[in-house]
Protein backbone atom coordinates (compact mmCIF):
# COMPACT_ATOMS: atom_id res chain seq x y z
CA MET A 1 0.00 0.00 0.00
CA THR A 2 1.34 3.45 -0.93
CA HIS A 3 1.79 5.78 2.01
CA PRO A 4 -0.52 8.82 1.70
CA PHE A 5 2.43 11.23 1.84
CA ALA A 6 4.81 9.29 -0.41
CA ALA A 7 3.84 11.20 -3.54
CA TRP A 8 5.19 14.56 -2.44
CA THR A 9 7.89 14.14 0.15
CA GLU A 10 10.76 11.97 1.27
CA LEU A 11 9.20 10.08 4.16
CA ASP A 12 11.45 8.20 6.55
CA ASN A 13 10.05 5.66 8.96
CA GLY A 14 11.57 3.00 11.13
CA THR A 15 12.19 2.03 14.73
CA VAL A 16 14.45 3.43 17.41
CA PRO A 17 15.70 1.27 20.30
CA ILE A 18 14.60 2.22 23.83
CA GLU A 19 15.14 0.43 27.10
CA ASP A 20 13.55 -3.02 26.69
CA GLY A 21 11.83 -2.18 23.42
CA GLU A 22 11.56 0.09 20.40
CA LEU A 23 9.52 3.04 19.15
CA PHE A 24 8.03 3.24 15.66
CA TYR A 25 8.33 6.71 14.09
CA GLU A 26 7.79 8.63 10.89
CA THR A 27 9.55 11.85 9.89
CA ALA A 28 9.54 14.12 6.85
CA GLY A 29 10.46 17.65 5.88
CA GLU A 30 13.29 20.02 6.74
CA GLY A 31 13.52 22.93 9.14
CA PRO A 32 12.81 23.44 12.85
CA ALA A 33 11.69 20.18 14.44
CA VAL A 34 8.09 19.60 15.50
CA VAL A 35 7.14 16.39 17.34
CA LEU A 36 3.50 15.22 17.37
CA LEU A 37 2.44 13.25 20.47
CA HIS A 38 -0.79 11.24 20.27
CA GLY A 39 -3.47 10.66 22.88
CA GLY A 40 -3.75 7.61 25.12
CA MET A 41 -4.91 4.37 23.42
CA LEU A 42 -4.39 6.02 20.02
CA ASP A 43 -1.41 6.22 17.67
CA GLN A 44 0.43 8.65 15.43
CA ARG A 45 -2.22 8.44 12.69
CA MET A 46 -4.44 10.84 14.66
CA TRP A 47 -2.11 13.56 13.32
CA ASP A 48 -2.51 12.72 9.59
CA GLU A 49 -4.12 16.07 8.76
CA GLN A 50 -1.53 18.14 10.63
CA PHE A 51 1.49 16.07 9.52
CA CYS A 52 0.71 16.95 5.90
CA TRP A 53 0.65 20.73 6.15
CA LEU A 54 3.40 20.96 8.77
CA VAL A 55 5.84 19.24 6.41
CA GLY A 56 4.80 21.64 3.67
CA SER A 57 5.28 24.68 5.89
CA GLY A 58 9.01 24.32 6.46
CA HIS A 59 9.35 22.00 9.44
CA ARG A 60 10.97 18.68 10.11
CA VAL A 61 7.96 16.82 11.44
CA ILE A 62 8.33 13.73 13.65
CA ARG A 63 5.52 11.57 14.94
CA TYR A 64 5.73 8.26 16.74
CA ASP A 65 3.78 5.65 18.66
CA SER A 66 4.40 5.78 22.40
CA ARG A 67 5.41 2.61 24.23
CA GLY A 68 2.34 0.42 24.61
CA HIS A 69 0.63 1.99 21.59
CA GLY A 70 0.40 1.40 17.85
CA LEU A 71 3.44 -0.26 16.29
CA SER A 72 5.80 0.40 19.22
CA SER A 73 6.76 -2.16 21.88
CA THR A 74 4.44 -3.34 24.61
CA ALA A 75 5.43 -2.25 28.10
CA THR A 76 7.23 -4.92 30.15
CA GLY A 77 7.81 -2.94 33.35
CA ASP A 78 7.96 0.64 34.61
CA TRP A 79 9.09 3.22 32.06
CA ALA A 80 9.25 6.99 31.53
CA ASN A 81 7.62 8.41 28.40
CA HIS A 82 9.73 11.57 28.64
CA ASP A 83 12.92 9.48 28.55
CA ASP A 84 11.59 7.46 25.61
CA LEU A 85 10.99 10.71 23.72
CA CYS A 86 14.54 11.90 24.42
CA ALA A 87 15.91 8.57 23.16
CA LEU A 88 13.97 9.15 19.93
CA LEU A 89 15.31 12.71 19.60
CA ASP A 90 18.86 11.43 20.22
CA ALA A 91 18.51 8.73 17.55
CA LEU A 92 17.17 11.24 15.02
CA GLU A 93 19.86 13.79 15.99
CA VAL A 94 17.33 16.45 17.00
CA PRO A 95 18.74 18.68 19.76
CA SER A 96 15.40 20.32 20.60
CA ALA A 97 11.87 20.48 19.21
CA VAL A 98 8.46 22.06 19.51
CA LEU A 99 6.21 19.47 21.17
CA VAL A 100 2.59 19.29 19.99
CA GLY A 101 0.56 16.93 22.15
CA LEU A 102 -3.06 15.96 22.63
CA SER A 103 -4.37 14.62 25.94
CA HIS A 104 -1.84 12.03 27.12
CA GLY A 105 0.54 13.48 24.54
CA SER A 106 0.33 16.85 26.30
CA ARG A 107 1.04 15.08 29.58
CA VAL A 108 4.23 13.60 28.09
CA ALA A 109 5.18 16.96 26.55
CA LEU A 110 4.87 18.73 29.92
CA ASP A 111 6.89 16.05 31.71
CA THR A 112 9.59 16.33 29.03
CA ALA A 113 9.71 20.13 29.35
CA LEU A 114 10.31 19.72 33.10
CA ALA A 115 12.64 16.70 33.08
CA HIS A 116 14.62 17.67 29.97
CA PRO A 117 14.05 21.42 29.43
CA GLU A 118 16.94 21.75 27.01
CA ARG A 119 15.13 19.46 24.52
CA VAL A 120 11.91 21.51 24.31
CA SER A 121 11.71 24.83 22.43
CA ALA A 122 7.92 25.39 22.71
CA LEU A 123 4.71 23.61 23.73
CA ALA A 124 1.33 23.31 21.97
CA LEU A 125 -0.92 21.44 24.39
CA ALA A 126 -4.34 20.25 23.18
CA SER A 127 -6.99 18.87 25.57
CA PRO A 128 -4.14 18.68 28.07
CA GLY A 129 -3.44 15.96 30.55
CA ILE A 130 -1.15 16.95 33.45
CA SER A 131 0.76 14.37 35.51
CA GLY A 132 -0.10 14.64 39.19
CA ARG A 133 -3.67 15.89 38.66
CA ALA A 134 -6.40 13.34 39.40
CA PHE A 135 -9.66 13.02 37.49
CA THR A 136 -12.62 14.43 39.44
CA ASP A 137 -15.39 14.84 36.84
CA PRO A 138 -18.17 12.33 37.73
CA PHE A 139 -18.73 11.71 34.01
CA VAL A 140 -15.11 10.60 33.52
CA LEU A 141 -14.93 8.66 36.80
CA GLY A 142 -18.12 6.76 35.93
CA HIS A 143 -16.79 5.62 32.56
CA ILE A 144 -13.42 4.65 34.05
CA LYS A 145 -15.30 2.48 36.56
CA GLU A 146 -17.18 0.83 33.68
CA GLN A 147 -13.90 0.23 31.84
CA VAL A 148 -12.44 -1.56 34.86
CA ALA A 149 -15.61 -3.68 35.11
CA ALA A 150 -15.27 -4.66 31.43
CA ILE A 151 -11.78 -6.13 31.78
CA GLY A 152 -11.93 -9.90 31.46
CA ALA A 153 -15.56 -10.02 30.29
CA PRO A 154 -16.36 -11.93 27.06
CA ASP A 155 -17.22 -8.64 25.29
CA GLY A 156 -14.80 -6.71 27.46
CA LEU A 157 -12.65 -5.21 24.73
CA GLU A 158 -15.63 -3.82 22.85
CA ARG A 159 -17.14 -2.37 26.04
CA TYR A 160 -13.78 -0.95 27.17
CA VAL A 161 -13.29 0.88 23.88
CA GLU A 162 -16.90 2.13 23.81
CA HIS A 163 -16.45 3.75 27.23
CA PHE A 164 -13.20 5.28 25.94
CA LEU A 165 -15.17 6.78 23.03
CA ARG A 166 -17.89 8.06 25.37
CA MET A 167 -15.26 9.87 27.48
CA TRP A 168 -12.83 11.09 24.86
CA VAL A 169 -14.81 11.47 21.64
CA ASP A 170 -18.44 12.19 22.59
CA GLY A 171 -17.71 13.96 25.87
CA PRO A 172 -20.24 14.75 28.60
CA HIS A 173 -22.52 16.96 26.50
CA ARG A 174 -23.32 14.69 23.54
CA ARG A 175 -24.80 11.32 22.72
CA PRO A 176 -22.85 9.04 20.36
CA SER A 177 -25.40 9.83 17.64
CA ASP A 178 -24.50 13.54 17.91
CA VAL A 179 -20.92 12.88 16.81
CA HIS A 180 -19.71 12.47 13.22
CA PRO A 181 -19.76 8.68 12.68
CA GLY A 182 -16.54 8.77 10.66
CA LEU A 183 -14.65 10.35 13.55
CA ARG A 184 -16.04 7.85 16.03
CA GLU A 185 -15.10 4.88 13.84
CA ARG A 186 -11.62 6.26 13.12
CA ILE A 187 -10.88 6.57 16.84
CA ARG A 188 -12.56 3.22 17.61
CA ALA A 189 -10.30 1.48 15.08
CA SER A 190 -7.12 3.01 16.55
CA ALA A 191 -8.09 2.33 20.16
CA THR A 192 -9.14 -1.26 19.38
CA ALA A 193 -5.89 -1.94 17.49
CA THR A 194 -3.78 -0.63 20.38
CA ALA A 195 -5.81 -2.55 22.98
CA GLU A 196 -5.48 -5.80 21.00
CA ALA A 197 -1.78 -5.39 20.21
CA HIS A 198 -0.74 -4.44 23.73
CA ALA A 199 -3.11 -6.47 25.91
CA ASP A 200 -0.12 -8.33 27.39
CA GLY A 201 1.21 -5.05 28.76
CA MET A 202 -1.88 -4.31 30.85
CA GLY A 203 -0.60 -4.10 34.40
CA ALA A 204 2.99 -4.93 33.37
CA GLY A 205 4.33 -1.63 34.66
CA MET A 206 3.57 1.99 35.38
CA PRO A 207 4.67 5.13 33.53
CA LEU A 208 7.07 7.09 35.72
CA GLU A 209 6.03 10.75 35.69
CA VAL A 210 7.37 13.98 37.12
CA GLY A 211 4.23 15.31 38.82
CA ALA A 212 3.93 18.35 36.58
CA ALA A 213 0.85 19.69 38.38
CA GLY A 214 2.93 21.32 41.10
CA ARG A 215 5.69 22.53 38.79
CA LEU A 216 3.94 24.31 35.92
CA SER A 217 5.42 27.69 36.83
CA GLU A 218 8.90 26.27 36.09
CA ILE A 219 8.11 26.03 32.36
CA ARG A 220 9.96 28.73 30.44
CA VAL A 221 9.08 28.14 26.79
CA PRO A 222 6.33 29.66 24.61
CA THR A 223 3.12 27.75 25.29
CA VAL A 224 -0.34 27.61 23.70
CA VAL A 225 -3.18 25.56 25.20
CA PHE A 226 -6.24 24.30 23.30
CA ASP A 227 -9.42 22.92 24.87
CA GLY A 228 -12.81 22.10 23.40
CA ASP A 229 -15.98 23.68 24.79
CA LEU A 230 -17.69 20.24 24.85
CA ASP A 231 -14.94 18.45 26.81
CA SER A 232 -15.04 17.33 30.46
CA THR A 233 -14.54 19.70 33.37
CA ASP A 234 -11.23 17.96 34.15
CA ILE A 235 -9.74 19.05 30.82
CA SER A 236 -11.04 22.62 31.01
CA ALA A 237 -9.63 22.82 34.56
CA ASN A 238 -6.26 21.59 33.27
CA ALA A 239 -6.27 24.18 30.49
CA HIS A 240 -7.13 26.89 33.02
CA ALA A 241 -4.39 25.75 35.41
CA LEU A 242 -1.79 25.82 32.63
CA THR A 243 -2.84 29.27 31.47
CA LEU A 244 -2.57 30.64 35.01
CA ALA A 245 0.72 28.98 35.96
CA VAL A 246 2.87 28.88 32.81
CA PRO A 247 4.37 32.33 32.19
CA GLY A 248 2.96 33.82 28.99
CA ALA A 249 0.76 30.82 28.13
CA ARG A 250 -2.21 31.54 25.86
CA ARG A 251 -5.45 29.57 25.86
CA VAL A 252 -7.55 28.87 22.77
CA ARG A 253 -11.09 27.65 23.44
CA VAL A 254 -12.18 25.48 20.51
CA PRO A 255 -15.93 25.72 19.79
CA GLY A 256 -17.94 22.73 18.65
CA ALA A 257 -15.35 20.21 19.82
CA ALA A 258 -14.93 17.85 22.74
CA HIS A 259 -11.56 16.16 23.37
CA MET A 260 -10.36 15.53 19.80
CA VAL A 261 -9.96 19.21 18.95
CA ASN A 262 -7.55 18.69 16.03
CA LEU A 263 -10.07 16.41 14.28
CA GLU A 264 -13.36 18.10 15.21
CA ASN A 265 -12.50 21.73 14.47
CA THR A 266 -9.50 21.15 12.24
CA ALA A 267 -9.66 24.54 10.49
CA LEU A 268 -9.43 26.53 13.74
CA PHE A 269 -6.86 24.22 15.29
CA ASP A 270 -4.61 24.34 12.23
CA HIS A 271 -4.95 28.13 11.93
CA GLU A 272 -3.98 28.69 15.56
CA LEU A 273 -1.13 26.16 15.49
CA ARG A 274 0.25 27.71 12.29
CA ALA A 275 0.11 31.18 13.87
CA PHE A 276 1.85 29.90 17.01
CA LEU A 277 4.67 28.28 15.04
CA SER A 278 5.07 31.42 12.91
CA SER A 279 5.38 33.52 16.06
CA LEU A 280 8.33 31.36 17.21
CA ALA A 281 10.27 32.15 14.02
CA ARG A 282 10.05 35.92 14.51
């Protein structure tokens, strides 16, 4: 099968060794480095739309599957996502990069900016997760409880993924039928593939994090924060906390979108991300 970007650019993909595993990555383009970090249970394909135009706009764009996701290795014990990312940057000879993350990807980006500040030149944080902040929204907590109950049941995988979609695609303000069916099925396919491929890693180890919640004021790079107006109160609270604590951070509320802001209001997200990246070059 021909890769969708093969027609117009030199695309490089492969694997990079990490401790007890490997990461699958793709990279294309030349210029300042931008790394795209996907959400939990998803993979790098959630950035297809952005990967395309970023390469065309004068950046070296890197995206990869985190450990336990997509085509990368299944977790076998405790690990640190921020160290995995630095191993990838080392292997690709990238001294520092703009990190663009969604959800869990934002969580990894923040941890990296705190643990390895010299590797991060700017942060674009969409629907941000923050290590060290617990979920409190009853909507989210209820679906997490249902996910736990589904583990081990005959139809457990299907139920587990459906509750994931309810939380992180539909959000608390919409029924599944209110959401574009193509978006729902795209995310369902990615989440199901990751769950099936990495089932052996469930409970094999824990991600080691830096507890960014209490350290946000230490971040010293340009930062933009995106959150959808249909997302959970946990995510809007995270976006608010970042905007208050990170010096100079700017918040962009994305209308008509829940958690998947880059795929639900792509035009606005792309416009704001392009403007942010342009401001860094000035």
